PDB file of N, CA and C in Angstrom:
ATOM      1  N   MET A   1     -57.899 -89.747 138.827  1.00  0.00           N
ATOM      2  CA  MET A   1     -56.961 -91.060 138.686  1.00  0.00           C
ATOM      3  C   MET A   1     -56.366 -90.579 137.061  1.00  0.00           C
ATOM      4  N   SER A   2     -55.085 -91.860 137.051  1.00  0.00           N
ATOM      5  CA  SER A   2     -54.577 -91.132 135.806  1.00  0.00           C
ATOM      6  C   SER A   2     -54.944 -91.943 135.010  1.00  0.00           C
ATOM      7  N   LYS A   3     -54.486 -92.019 133.224  1.00  0.00           N
ATOM      8  CA  LYS A   3     -55.109 -92.673 132.812  1.00  0.00           C
ATOM      9  C   LYS A   3     -54.704 -94.149 132.626  1.00  0.00           C
ATOM     10  N   GLN A   4     -55.451 -95.094 131.874  1.00  0.00           N
ATOM     11  CA  GLN A   4     -54.330 -96.295 132.017  1.00  0.00           C
ATOM     12  C   GLN A   4     -53.711 -96.437 130.191  1.00  0.00           C
ATOM     13  N   TYR A   5     -52.826 -97.125 130.171  1.00  0.00           N
ATOM     14  CA  TYR A   5     -52.399 -96.990 128.407  1.00  0.00           C
ATOM     15  C   TYR A   5     -52.084 -98.740 128.695  1.00  0.00           C
ATOM     16  N   LYS A   6     -52.437 -99.235 127.294  1.00  0.00           N
ATOM     17  CA  LYS A   6     -51.924-100.534 126.574  1.00  0.00           C
ATOM     18  C   LYS A   6     -50.534 -99.879 125.511  1.00  0.00           C
ATOM     19  N   TRP A   7     -49.569-100.550 126.020  1.00  0.00           N
ATOM     20  CA  TRP A   7     -48.570-100.324 125.556  1.00  0.00           C
ATOM     21  C   TRP A   7     -48.175-100.990 124.318  1.00  0.00           C
ATOM     22  N   TYR A   8     -47.768-100.626 123.211  1.00  0.00           N
ATOM     23  CA  TYR A   8     -47.184-101.468 121.939  1.00  0.00           C
ATOM     24  C   TYR A   8     -45.834-101.335 121.708  1.00  0.00           C
ATOM     25  N   LYS A   9     -44.903-102.215 121.154  1.00  0.00           N
ATOM     26  CA  LYS A   9     -44.045-102.106 120.486  1.00  0.00           C
ATOM     27  C   LYS A   9     -43.836-101.628 119.516  1.00  0.00           C
ATOM     28  N   ILE A  10     -42.973-100.424 119.358  1.00  0.00           N
ATOM     29  CA  ILE A  10     -42.460 -99.604 117.806  1.00  0.00           C
ATOM     30  C   ILE A  10     -41.655-100.348 117.128  1.00  0.00           C
ATOM     31  N   ILE A  11     -40.171-100.616 117.923  1.00  0.00           N
ATOM     32  CA  ILE A  11     -39.392-100.979 117.272  1.00  0.00           C
ATOM     33  C   ILE A  11     -38.280-101.458 118.172  1.00  0.00           C
ATOM     34  N   GLU A  12     -36.900-102.214 117.606  1.00  0.00           N
ATOM     35  CA  GLU A  12     -36.370-102.912 118.845  1.00  0.00           C
ATOM     36  C   GLU A  12     -35.295-101.301 119.041  1.00  0.00           C
ATOM     37  N   ASN A  13     -34.921-101.091 118.591  1.00  0.00           N
ATOM     38  CA  ASN A  13     -33.924 -99.862 118.707  1.00  0.00           C
ATOM     39  C   ASN A  13     -33.918 -98.528 117.670  1.00  0.00           C
ATOM     40  N   GLU A  14     -34.122 -97.325 118.401  1.00  0.00           N
ATOM     41  CA  GLU A  14     -33.935 -96.175 118.171  1.00  0.00           C
ATOM     42  C   GLU A  14     -33.380 -96.234 116.495  1.00  0.00           C
ATOM     43  N   ASN A  15     -31.976 -96.302 116.721  1.00  0.00           N
ATOM     44  CA  ASN A  15     -30.699 -96.530 115.016  1.00  0.00           C
ATOM     45  C   ASN A  15     -31.935 -97.112 114.212  1.00  0.00           C
ATOM     46  N   LEU A  16     -32.890 -98.121 114.162  1.00  0.00           N
ATOM     47  CA  LEU A  16     -33.361 -98.490 113.293  1.00  0.00           C
ATOM     48  C   LEU A  16     -34.448 -98.003 112.673  1.00  0.00           C
ATOM     49  N   LEU A  17     -34.959 -96.242 113.071  1.00  0.00           N
ATOM     50  CA  LEU A  17     -36.355 -95.969 112.652  1.00  0.00           C
ATOM     51  C   LEU A  17     -35.348 -94.884 111.616  1.00  0.00           C
ATOM     52  N   GLN A  18     -36.455 -95.146 110.673  1.00  0.00           N
ATOM     53  CA  GLN A  18     -35.998 -94.359 108.920  1.00  0.00           C
ATOM     54  C   GLN A  18     -36.216 -92.432 109.431  1.00  0.00           C
ATOM     55  N   TRP A  19     -35.035 -92.104 110.170  1.00  0.00           N
ATOM     56  CA  TRP A  19     -35.695 -90.728 110.627  1.00  0.00           C
ATOM     57  C   TRP A  19     -35.280 -89.904 109.486  1.00  0.00           C
ATOM     58  N   GLN A  20     -36.440 -88.728 109.415  1.00  0.00           N
ATOM     59  CA  GLN A  20     -35.978 -88.081 107.988  1.00  0.00           C
ATOM     60  C   GLN A  20     -34.716 -86.904 108.773  1.00  0.00           C
ATOM     61  N   SER A  21     -34.432 -85.556 107.747  1.00  0.00           N
ATOM     62  CA  SER A  21     -34.166 -85.153 108.378  1.00  0.00           C
ATOM     63  C   SER A  21     -34.115 -83.726 109.318  1.00  0.00           C
ATOM     64  N   ASN A  22     -35.970 -83.776 109.018  1.00  0.00           N
ATOM     65  CA  ASN A  22     -36.437 -83.000 109.890  1.00  0.00           C
ATOM     66  C   ASN A  22     -37.008 -83.303 111.746  1.00  0.00           C
ATOM     67  N   ASN A  23     -36.014 -84.768 111.607  1.00  0.00           N
ATOM     68  CA  ASN A  23     -36.128 -85.020 113.119  1.00  0.00           C
ATOM     69  C   ASN A  23     -37.387 -86.020 113.174  1.00  0.00           C
ATOM     70  N   MET A  24     -37.801 -86.471 112.009  1.00  0.00           N
ATOM     71  CA  MET A  24     -39.012 -87.040 112.287  1.00  0.00           C
ATOM     72  C   MET A  24     -39.077 -88.065 111.767  1.00  0.00           C
ATOM     73  N   CYS A  25     -40.167 -88.829 111.599  1.00  0.00           N
ATOM     74  CA  CYS A  25     -40.339 -90.202 110.983  1.00  0.00           C
ATOM     75  C   CYS A  25     -41.952 -91.055 111.808  1.00  0.00           C
ATOM     76  N   ILE A  26     -42.509 -92.001 110.555  1.00  0.00           N
ATOM     77  CA  ILE A  26     -43.669 -92.260 110.788  1.00  0.00           C
ATOM     78  C   ILE A  26     -43.035 -93.770 111.276  1.00  0.00           C
ATOM     79  N   ALA A  27     -44.074 -94.145 111.932  1.00  0.00           N
ATOM     80  CA  ALA A  27     -44.027 -95.581 112.691  1.00  0.00           C
ATOM     81  C   ALA A  27     -45.352 -96.547 112.610  1.00  0.00           C
ATOM     82  N   GLU A  28     -45.119 -97.779 113.147  1.00  0.00           N
ATOM     83  CA  GLU A  28     -46.684 -98.035 113.339  1.00  0.00           C
ATOM     84  C   GLU A  28     -46.711 -98.954 114.434  1.00  0.00           C
ATOM     85  N   ALA A  29     -47.504 -98.447 115.247  1.00  0.00           N
ATOM     86  CA  ALA A  29     -48.093 -99.710 116.235  1.00  0.00           C
ATOM     87  C   ALA A  29     -49.265-100.058 116.696  1.00  0.00           C
ATOM     88  N   ASN A  30     -49.636-101.480 116.548  1.00  0.00           N
ATOM     89  CA  ASN A  30     -50.970-101.838 116.720  1.00  0.00           C
ATOM     90  C   ASN A  30     -52.248-101.237 115.457  1.00  0.00           C
ATOM     91  N   GLY A  31     -50.989-101.756 114.423  1.00  0.00           N
ATOM     92  CA  GLY A  31     -51.856-100.850 113.519  1.00  0.00           C
ATOM     93  C   GLY A  31     -52.416 -99.540 112.898  1.00  0.00           C
ATOM     94  N   LYS A  32     -51.407 -98.663 113.569  1.00  0.00           N
ATOM     95  CA  LYS A  32     -51.691 -97.393 113.692  1.00  0.00           C
ATOM     96  C   LYS A  32     -50.859 -97.053 113.418  1.00  0.00           C
ATOM     97  N   LYS A  33     -50.682 -95.988 112.115  1.00  0.00           N
ATOM     98  CA  LYS A  33     -49.479 -94.597 111.724  1.00  0.00           C
ATOM     99  C   LYS A  33     -49.570 -94.249 112.754  1.00  0.00           C
ATOM    100  N   ILE A  34     -48.130 -93.636 113.440  1.00  0.00           N
ATOM    101  CA  ILE A  34     -47.829 -92.097 114.660  1.00  0.00           C
ATOM    102  C   ILE A  34     -46.990 -91.971 113.660  1.00  0.00           C
ATOM    103  N   THR A  35     -46.667 -90.351 114.237  1.00  0.00           N
ATOM    104  CA  THR A  35     -45.367 -89.834 114.076  1.00  0.00           C
ATOM    105  C   THR A  35     -44.675 -89.439 115.277  1.00  0.00           C
ATOM    106  N   LEU A  36     -42.991 -89.818 114.466  1.00  0.00           N
ATOM    107  CA  LEU A  36     -42.374 -89.828 115.878  1.00  0.00           C
ATOM    108  C   LEU A  36     -41.240 -88.617 115.587  1.00  0.00           C
ATOM    109  N   ALA A  37     -41.425 -87.945 116.667  1.00  0.00           N
ATOM    110  CA  ALA A  37     -40.023 -86.690 116.888  1.00  0.00           C
ATOM    111  C   ALA A  37     -39.401 -86.782 117.636  1.00  0.00           C
ATOM    112  N   LYS A  38     -38.091 -86.635 117.132  1.00  0.00           N
ATOM    113  CA  LYS A  38     -36.893 -86.303 117.833  1.00  0.00           C
ATOM    114  C   LYS A  38     -36.745 -85.158 118.717  1.00  0.00           C
ATOM    115  N   HIS A  39     -36.641 -84.514 120.005  1.00  0.00           N
ATOM    116  CA  HIS A  39     -35.913 -82.722 120.089  1.00  0.00           C
ATOM    117  C   HIS A  39     -36.048 -82.776 121.658  1.00  0.00           C
ATOM    118  N   ASN A  40     -35.109 -82.051 121.386  1.00  0.00           N
ATOM    119  CA  ASN A  40     -34.059 -82.594 122.588  1.00  0.00           C
ATOM    120  C   ASN A  40     -33.166 -83.707 123.048  1.00  0.00           C
ATOM    121  N   ASN A  41     -32.921 -84.569 122.072  1.00  0.00           N
ATOM    122  CA  ASN A  41     -32.475 -85.936 122.646  1.00  0.00           C
ATOM    123  C   ASN A  41     -33.838 -86.583 123.002  1.00  0.00           C
ATOM    124  N   THR A  42     -35.111 -86.084 123.084  1.00  0.00           N
ATOM    125  CA  THR A  42     -35.722 -86.955 123.422  1.00  0.00           C
ATOM    126  C   THR A  42     -36.991 -87.465 122.132  1.00  0.00           C
ATOM    127  N   ILE A  43     -37.363 -88.644 122.465  1.00  0.00           N
ATOM    128  CA  ILE A  43     -38.449 -88.885 121.289  1.00  0.00           C
ATOM    129  C   ILE A  43     -39.888 -88.745 121.697  1.00  0.00           C
ATOM    130  N   LEU A  44     -41.057 -88.215 121.300  1.00  0.00           N
ATOM    131  CA  LEU A  44     -41.775 -87.860 121.142  1.00  0.00           C
ATOM    132  C   LEU A  44     -43.028 -88.485 120.297  1.00  0.00           C
ATOM    133  N   ALA A  45     -44.011 -88.886 120.408  1.00  0.00           N
ATOM    134  CA  ALA A  45     -45.170 -89.607 119.705  1.00  0.00           C
ATOM    135  C   ALA A  45     -46.192 -88.278 119.715  1.00  0.00           C
ATOM    136  N   PHE A  46     -47.220 -88.728 118.251  1.00  0.00           N
ATOM    137  CA  PHE A  46     -48.163 -87.861 117.917  1.00  0.00           C
ATOM    138  C   PHE A  46     -48.813 -88.614 116.884  1.00  0.00           C
ATOM    139  N   VAL A  47     -50.092 -87.784 116.546  1.00  0.00           N
ATOM    140  CA  VAL A  47     -50.666 -88.879 115.586  1.00  0.00           C
ATOM    141  C   VAL A  47     -50.321 -88.405 114.338  1.00  0.00           C
ATOM    142  N   TYR A  48     -50.741 -89.423 113.124  1.00  0.00           N
ATOM    143  CA  TYR A  48     -50.406 -89.598 111.768  1.00  0.00           C
ATOM    144  C   TYR A  48     -50.459 -87.964 111.138  1.00  0.00           C
ATOM    145  N   LYS A  49     -51.498 -87.579 111.327  1.00  0.00           N
ATOM    146  CA  LYS A  49     -52.089 -86.721 110.331  1.00  0.00           C
ATOM    147  C   LYS A  49     -52.949 -85.330 110.876  1.00  0.00           C
ATOM    148  N   CYS A  50     -52.603 -84.154 110.523  1.00  0.00           N
ATOM    149  CA  CYS A  50     -52.937 -82.732 111.542  1.00  0.00           C
ATOM    150  C   CYS A  50     -54.798 -82.852 111.568  1.00  0.00           C
ATOM    151  N   PRO A  51     -54.932 -82.497 112.887  1.00  0.00           N
ATOM    152  CA  PRO A  51     -55.980 -82.714 113.068  1.00  0.00           C
ATOM    153  C   PRO A  51     -57.069 -81.360 111.996  1.00  0.00           C
ATOM    154  N   HIS A  52     -56.672 -80.800 111.439  1.00  0.00           N
ATOM    155  CA  HIS A  52     -57.724 -79.814 110.416  1.00  0.00           C
ATOM    156  C   HIS A  52     -57.307 -80.056 109.117  1.00  0.00           C
ATOM    157  N   ALA A  53     -56.573 -80.326 108.490  1.00  0.00           N
ATOM    158  CA  ALA A  53     -57.187 -80.682 106.822  1.00  0.00           C
ATOM    159  C   ALA A  53     -56.368 -82.334 106.764  1.00  0.00           C
ATOM    160  N   GLY A  54     -55.540 -82.605 107.803  1.00  0.00           N
ATOM    161  CA  GLY A  54     -54.713 -84.053 107.221  1.00  0.00           C
ATOM    162  C   GLY A  54     -53.880 -84.230 106.770  1.00  0.00           C
ATOM    163  N   GLY A  55     -52.838 -83.348 106.560  1.00  0.00           N
ATOM    164  CA  GLY A  55     -51.922 -83.376 106.593  1.00  0.00           C
ATOM    165  C   GLY A  55     -50.825 -84.546 107.106  1.00  0.00           C
ATOM    166  N   ILE A  56     -49.752 -84.524 106.497  1.00  0.00           N
ATOM    167  CA  ILE A  56     -48.881 -85.710 107.014  1.00  0.00           C
ATOM    168  C   ILE A  56     -47.603 -85.107 107.923  1.00  0.00           C
ATOM    169  N   LEU A  57     -48.080 -84.540 108.873  1.00  0.00           N
ATOM    170  CA  LEU A  57     -47.283 -84.098 109.942  1.00  0.00           C
ATOM    171  C   LEU A  57     -45.793 -84.913 109.607  1.00  0.00           C
ATOM    172  N   ALA A  58     -45.294 -85.690 109.770  1.00  0.00           N
ATOM    173  CA  ALA A  58     -43.750 -85.879 109.337  1.00  0.00           C
ATOM    174  C   ALA A  58     -43.454 -85.511 108.017  1.00  0.00           C
ATOM    175  N   ASP A  59     -44.250 -84.599 107.068  1.00  0.00           N
ATOM    176  CA  ASP A  59     -43.756 -84.207 106.080  1.00  0.00           C
ATOM    177  C   ASP A  59     -43.406 -82.179 106.586  1.00  0.00           C
ATOM    178  N   GLY A  60     -43.855 -81.947 107.576  1.00  0.00           N
ATOM    179  CA  GLY A  60     -43.506 -80.724 108.772  1.00  0.00           C
ATOM    180  C   GLY A  60     -42.046 -80.437 109.075  1.00  0.00           C
ATOM    181  N   PHE A  61     -42.323 -79.860 109.978  1.00  0.00           N
ATOM    182  CA  PHE A  61     -41.131 -79.750 110.689  1.00  0.00           C
ATOM    183  C   PHE A  61     -41.665 -79.332 112.291  1.00  0.00           C
ATOM    184  N   ILE A  62     -40.278 -79.431 112.926  1.00  0.00           N
ATOM    185  CA  ILE A  62     -40.411 -78.891 113.930  1.00  0.00           C
ATOM    186  C   ILE A  62     -39.664 -77.799 114.384  1.00  0.00           C
ATOM    187  N   ASP A  63     -40.235 -76.454 115.250  1.00  0.00           N
ATOM    188  CA  ASP A  63     -39.852 -75.524 115.189  1.00  0.00           C
ATOM    189  C   ASP A  63     -38.789 -75.431 116.655  1.00  0.00           C
ATOM    190  N   THR A  64     -37.931 -74.156 116.940  1.00  0.00           N
ATOM    191  CA  THR A  64     -37.437 -73.698 118.015  1.00  0.00           C
ATOM    192  C   THR A  64     -37.955 -74.065 119.414  1.00  0.00           C
ATOM    193  N   LEU A  65     -39.159 -74.261 119.298  1.00  0.00           N
ATOM    194  CA  LEU A  65     -39.859 -74.137 120.486  1.00  0.00           C
ATOM    195  C   LEU A  65     -40.079 -75.872 120.983  1.00  0.00           C
ATOM    196  N   GLY A  66     -40.179 -76.166 119.813  1.00  0.00           N
ATOM    197  CA  GLY A  66     -40.561 -77.867 119.742  1.00  0.00           C
ATOM    198  C   GLY A  66     -42.105 -77.943 119.676  1.00  0.00           C
ATOM    199  N   ASN A  67     -42.719 -77.185 118.475  1.00  0.00           N
ATOM    200  CA  ASN A  67     -44.261 -77.427 117.945  1.00  0.00           C
ATOM    201  C   ASN A  67     -43.424 -78.028 116.866  1.00  0.00           C
ATOM    202  N   VAL A  68     -44.884 -79.037 116.201  1.00  0.00           N
ATOM    203  CA  VAL A  68     -44.574 -80.109 114.860  1.00  0.00           C
ATOM    204  C   VAL A  68     -45.223 -78.134 113.577  1.00  0.00           C
ATOM    205  N   VAL A  69     -44.887 -78.175 112.842  1.00  0.00           N
ATOM    206  CA  VAL A  69     -45.559 -77.376 112.426  1.00  0.00           C
ATOM    207  C   VAL A  69     -46.011 -78.324 111.159  1.00  0.00           C
ATOM    208  N   CYS A  70     -47.348 -77.830 110.797  1.00  0.00           N
ATOM    209  CA  CYS A  70     -48.292 -78.838 109.359  1.00  0.00           C
ATOM    210  C   CYS A  70     -47.777 -78.285 108.044  1.00  0.00           C
ATOM    211  N   PRO A  71     -47.400 -78.991 106.969  1.00  0.00           N
ATOM    212  CA  PRO A  71     -47.088 -78.668 106.019  1.00  0.00           C
ATOM    213  C   PRO A  71     -48.192 -78.076 104.977  1.00  0.00           C
ATOM    214  N   LEU A  72     -49.408 -78.366 105.458  1.00  0.00           N
ATOM    215  CA  LEU A  72     -49.980 -77.409 104.553  1.00  0.00           C
ATOM    216  C   LEU A  72     -50.558 -76.218 104.982  1.00  0.00           C
ATOM    217  N   HIS A  73     -50.778 -76.261 105.935  1.00  0.00           N
ATOM    218  CA  HIS A  73     -51.310 -74.457 106.267  1.00  0.00           C
ATOM    219  C   HIS A  73     -50.407 -74.056 107.682  1.00  0.00           C
ATOM    220  N   ARG A  74     -49.590 -74.404 107.958  1.00  0.00           N
ATOM    221  CA  ARG A  74     -48.477 -74.326 109.060  1.00  0.00           C
ATOM    222  C   ARG A  74     -49.270 -74.401 110.292  1.00  0.00           C
ATOM    223  N   TYR A  75     -50.367 -74.663 110.571  1.00  0.00           N
ATOM    224  CA  TYR A  75     -50.510 -74.655 111.793  1.00  0.00           C
ATOM    225  C   TYR A  75     -49.670 -75.301 112.828  1.00  0.00           C
ATOM    226  N   LYS A  76     -49.214 -74.569 113.843  1.00  0.00           N
ATOM    227  CA  LYS A  76     -48.519 -75.590 114.726  1.00  0.00           C
ATOM    228  C   LYS A  76     -48.975 -75.749 116.132  1.00  0.00           C
ATOM    229  N   PHE A  77     -48.628 -77.297 116.740  1.00  0.00           N
ATOM    230  CA  PHE A  77     -48.745 -77.727 117.803  1.00  0.00           C
ATOM    231  C   PHE A  77     -47.757 -78.306 118.571  1.00  0.00           C
ATOM    232  N   SER A  78     -47.981 -78.111 119.904  1.00  0.00           N
ATOM    233  CA  SER A  78     -46.768 -78.434 120.672  1.00  0.00           C
ATOM    234  C   SER A  78     -46.674 -80.131 120.921  1.00  0.00           C
ATOM    235  N   ILE A  79     -45.735 -80.586 120.284  1.00  0.00           N
ATOM    236  CA  ILE A  79     -45.659 -81.973 120.621  1.00  0.00           C
ATOM    237  C   ILE A  79     -44.973 -82.902 121.794  1.00  0.00           C
ATOM    238  N   HIS A  80     -45.282 -81.686 123.262  1.00  0.00           N
ATOM    239  CA  HIS A  80     -45.514 -82.215 124.374  1.00  0.00           C
ATOM    240  C   HIS A  80     -46.708 -82.363 124.871  1.00  0.00           C
ATOM    241  N   ASN A  81     -47.851 -81.532 124.620  1.00  0.00           N
ATOM    242  CA  ASN A  81     -48.871 -82.018 125.554  1.00  0.00           C
ATOM    243  C   ASN A  81     -50.191 -81.728 124.516  1.00  0.00           C
ATOM    244  N   GLY A  82     -49.841 -81.477 122.945  1.00  0.00           N
ATOM    245  CA  GLY A  82     -50.886 -81.405 121.477  1.00  0.00           C
ATOM    246  C   GLY A  82     -51.816 -80.213 121.918  1.00  0.00           C
ATOM    247  N   ARG A  83     -51.084 -78.968 122.589  1.00  0.00           N
ATOM    248  CA  ARG A  83     -51.927 -77.743 122.457  1.00  0.00           C
ATOM    249  C   ARG A  83     -51.835 -77.209 121.193  1.00  0.00           C
ATOM    250  N   ASN A  84     -52.626 -76.582 120.638  1.00  0.00           N
ATOM    251  CA  ASN A  84     -52.591 -75.453 119.377  1.00  0.00           C
ATOM    252  C   ASN A  84     -52.060 -74.358 119.630  1.00  0.00           C
ATOM    253  N   VAL A  85     -51.113 -73.890 119.416  1.00  0.00           N
ATOM    254  CA  VAL A  85     -50.431 -72.763 119.697  1.00  0.00           C
ATOM    255  C   VAL A  85     -50.256 -71.725 118.734  1.00  0.00           C
ATOM    256  N   SER A  86     -50.790 -72.015 117.199  1.00  0.00           N
ATOM    257  CA  SER A  86     -50.993 -71.022 116.608  1.00  0.00           C
ATOM    258  C   SER A  86     -52.218 -69.933 116.609  1.00  0.00           C
ATOM    259  N   GLY A  87     -53.224 -70.393 117.470  1.00  0.00           N
ATOM    260  CA  GLY A  87     -54.511 -69.850 117.557  1.00  0.00           C
ATOM    261  C   GLY A  87     -55.680 -70.500 116.935  1.00  0.00           C
ATOM    262  N   GLU A  88     -55.449 -71.798 116.352  1.00  0.00           N
ATOM    263  CA  GLU A  88     -56.833 -71.960 115.432  1.00  0.00           C
ATOM    264  C   GLU A  88     -57.928 -72.585 116.323  1.00  0.00           C
ATOM    265  N   GLY A  89     -57.364 -73.489 117.621  1.00  0.00           N
ATOM    266  CA  GLY A  89     -58.277 -74.296 118.379  1.00  0.00           C
ATOM    267  C   GLY A  89     -58.430 -75.384 118.127  1.00  0.00           C
ATOM    268  N   TYR A  90     -57.088 -76.129 117.532  1.00  0.00           N
ATOM    269  CA  TYR A  90     -57.245 -77.809 116.884  1.00  0.00           C
ATOM    270  C   TYR A  90     -56.919 -78.246 118.445  1.00  0.00           C
ATOM    271  N   TYR A  91     -57.052 -79.781 118.324  1.00  0.00           N
ATOM    272  CA  TYR A  91     -55.868 -80.267 119.744  1.00  0.00           C
ATOM    273  C   TYR A  91     -54.887 -81.486 118.572  1.00  0.00           C
ATOM    274  N   LEU A  92     -53.970 -81.791 119.264  1.00  0.00           N
ATOM    275  CA  LEU A  92     -53.564 -82.945 118.419  1.00  0.00           C
ATOM    276  C   LEU A  92     -52.662 -83.891 119.564  1.00  0.00           C
ATOM    277  N   LYS A  93     -53.618 -84.785 119.312  1.00  0.00           N
ATOM    278  CA  LYS A  93     -53.280 -85.861 120.318  1.00  0.00           C
ATOM    279  C   LYS A  93     -52.041 -86.589 120.442  1.00  0.00           C
ATOM    280  N   THR A  94     -51.576 -86.461 120.832  1.00  0.00           N
ATOM    281  CA  THR A  94     -50.039 -87.344 121.484  1.00  0.00           C
ATOM    282  C   THR A  94     -50.135 -88.783 122.629  1.00  0.00           C
ATOM    283  N   PHE A  95     -48.881 -89.077 122.460  1.00  0.00           N
ATOM    284  CA  PHE A  95     -48.888 -90.640 123.007  1.00  0.00           C
ATOM    285  C   PHE A  95     -47.536 -90.349 123.938  1.00  0.00           C
ATOM    286  N   PRO A  96     -47.319 -90.945 125.182  1.00  0.00           N
ATOM    287  CA  PRO A  96     -46.460 -91.654 125.757  1.00  0.00           C
ATOM    288  C   PRO A  96     -45.761 -92.270 125.116  1.00  0.00           C
ATOM    289  N   ILE A  97     -44.151 -92.410 125.401  1.00  0.00           N
ATOM    290  CA  ILE A  97     -43.175 -93.066 124.883  1.00  0.00           C
ATOM    291  C   ILE A  97     -42.214 -94.136 126.025  1.00  0.00           C
ATOM    292  N   GLU A  98     -42.083 -95.077 126.384  1.00  0.00           N
ATOM    293  CA  GLU A  98     -41.084 -95.595 126.758  1.00  0.00           C
ATOM    294  C   GLU A  98     -40.007 -96.133 126.212  1.00  0.00           C
ATOM    295  N   ILE A  99     -39.077 -96.136 126.643  1.00  0.00           N
ATOM    296  CA  ILE A  99     -37.795 -96.606 125.958  1.00  0.00           C
ATOM    297  C   ILE A  99     -37.322 -97.724 127.221  1.00  0.00           C
ATOM    298  N   ARG A 100     -36.772 -99.284 126.436  1.00  0.00           N
ATOM    299  CA  ARG A 100     -37.317-100.000 127.428  1.00  0.00           C
ATOM    300  C   ARG A 100     -35.753-100.662 126.990  1.00  0.00           C
ATOM    301  N   GLU A 101     -35.534-101.733 127.775  1.00  0.00           N
ATOM    302  CA  GLU A 101     -34.296-102.747 127.502  1.00  0.00           C
ATOM    303  C   GLU A 101     -34.566-103.256 125.851  1.00  0.00           C
ATOM    304  N   ASP A 102     -35.700-103.890 125.574  1.00  0.00           N
ATOM    305  CA  ASP A 102     -35.909-104.422 124.495  1.00  0.00           C
ATOM    306  C   ASP A 102     -36.683-103.452 123.254  1.00  0.00           C
ATOM    307  N   GLY A 103     -36.649-102.359 123.749  1.00  0.00           N
ATOM    308  CA  GLY A 103     -37.204-101.498 122.849  1.00  0.00           C
ATOM    309  C   GLY A 103     -38.389-100.056 123.390  1.00  0.00           C
ATOM    310  N   ILE A 104     -38.589 -99.588 121.926  1.00  0.00           N
ATOM    311  CA  ILE A 104     -39.243 -98.120 122.360  1.00  0.00           C
ATOM    312  C   ILE A 104     -40.861 -98.915 122.012  1.00  0.00           C
ATOM    313  N   TYR A 105     -41.657 -98.452 122.936  1.00  0.00           N
ATOM    314  CA  TYR A 105     -42.838 -98.364 123.573  1.00  0.00           C
ATOM    315  C   TYR A 105     -43.490 -97.185 123.031  1.00  0.00           C
ATOM    316  N   VAL A 106     -45.386 -97.262 122.858  1.00  0.00           N
ATOM    317  CA  VAL A 106     -45.952 -95.901 122.715  1.00  0.00           C
ATOM    318  C   VAL A 106     -47.059 -96.271 123.788  1.00  0.00           C
ATOM    319  N   GLY A 107     -47.686 -96.030 124.283  1.00  0.00           N
ATOM    320  CA  GLY A 107     -48.974 -96.154 125.242  1.00  0.00           C
ATOM    321  C   GLY A 107     -50.155 -95.208 124.461  1.00  0.00           C
ATOM    322  N   PHE A 108     -50.882 -96.519 124.161  1.00  0.00           N
ATOM    323  CA  PHE A 108     -52.665 -95.909 123.750  1.00  0.00           C
ATOM    324  C   PHE A 108     -53.556 -95.948 125.041  1.00  0.00           C
ATOM    325  N   ALA A 109     -54.235 -94.806 125.067  1.00  0.00           N
ATOM    326  CA  ALA A 109     -55.150 -94.928 126.398  1.00  0.00           C
ATOM    327  C   ALA A 109     -56.128 -96.159 125.929  1.00  0.00           C
ATOM    328  N   GLU A 110     -56.552 -96.857 127.042  1.00  0.00           N
ATOM    329  CA  GLU A 110     -57.302 -97.373 126.903  1.00  0.00           C
ATOM    330  C   GLU A 110     -58.771 -96.867 126.607  1.00  0.00           C
ATOM    331  N   GLU A 111     -59.374 -97.272 126.040  1.00  0.00           N
ATOM    332  CA  GLU A 111     -61.079 -96.401 125.950  1.00  0.00           C
ATOM    333  C   GLU A 111     -61.982 -98.060 126.361  1.00  0.00           C
ATOM    334  N   GLY A 112     -62.522 -97.131 127.505  1.00  0.00           N
ATOM    335  CA  GLY A 112     -63.907 -98.243 127.464  1.00  0.00           C
ATOM    336  C   GLY A 112     -65.099 -96.936 128.077  1.00  0.00           C
ATOM    337  N   PHE A 113     -66.090 -98.117 128.080  1.00  0.00           N
ATOM    338  CA  PHE A 113     -67.371 -97.033 128.707  1.00  0.00           C
ATOM    339  C   PHE A 113     -67.234 -96.029 129.588  1.00  0.00           C
ATOM    340  N   PHE A 114     -66.106 -96.493 130.792  1.00  0.00           N
ATOM    341  CA  PHE A 114     -66.036 -95.214 131.612  1.00  0.00           C
ATOM    342  C   PHE A 114     -64.946 -94.746 131.722  1.00  0.00           C
ATOM    343  N   SER A 115     -64.388 -94.578 130.619  1.00  0.00           N
ATOM    344  CA  SER A 115     -63.062 -94.350 130.282  1.00  0.00           C
ATOM    345  C   SER A 115     -63.070 -92.502 130.457  1.00  0.00           C
ATOM    346  N   PHE A 116     -64.169 -91.785 130.293  1.00  0.00           N
ATOM    347  CA  PHE A 116     -64.483 -90.389 131.155  1.00  0.00           C
ATOM    348  C   PHE A 116     -63.851 -89.826 132.403  1.00  0.00           C
ATOM    349  N   LEU A 117     -63.876 -90.999 133.083  1.00  0.00           N
ATOM    350  CA  LEU A 117     -63.593 -90.655 134.695  1.00  0.00           C
ATOM    351  C   LEU A 117     -62.443 -90.538 134.594  1.00  0.00           C
ATOM    352  N   HIS A 118     -61.616 -90.961 133.804  1.00  0.00           N
ATOM    353  CA  HIS A 118     -60.040 -90.450 134.052  1.00  0.00           C
ATOM    354  C   HIS A 118     -59.862 -89.686 133.641  1.00  0.00           C
TER     355      HIS A 118
END
């Protein structure tokens, strides 16, 4: 069974996002801060803070392999699947993105009592 997502509009157009020189920016959806990253002309989304020590991920950088590098301790996470690739054992929560005619949307997994079955 696949996950069910509730979709939230981030912004009408990618050009309205305040991209930093590191190809990342902070966005908000449904009252929740997230990080957006642009890699290989694709927009990806993941949590705002590093799961290790709470570093603001948008203040880090994306390496050539498509990993976000935390600015605090240089932990690396795949922006595609959230895996910790530097070996510390943490996991970065990622979110699906949809580009629609009326804007950019992020999907948050619907949480429910039986969500563990998905």
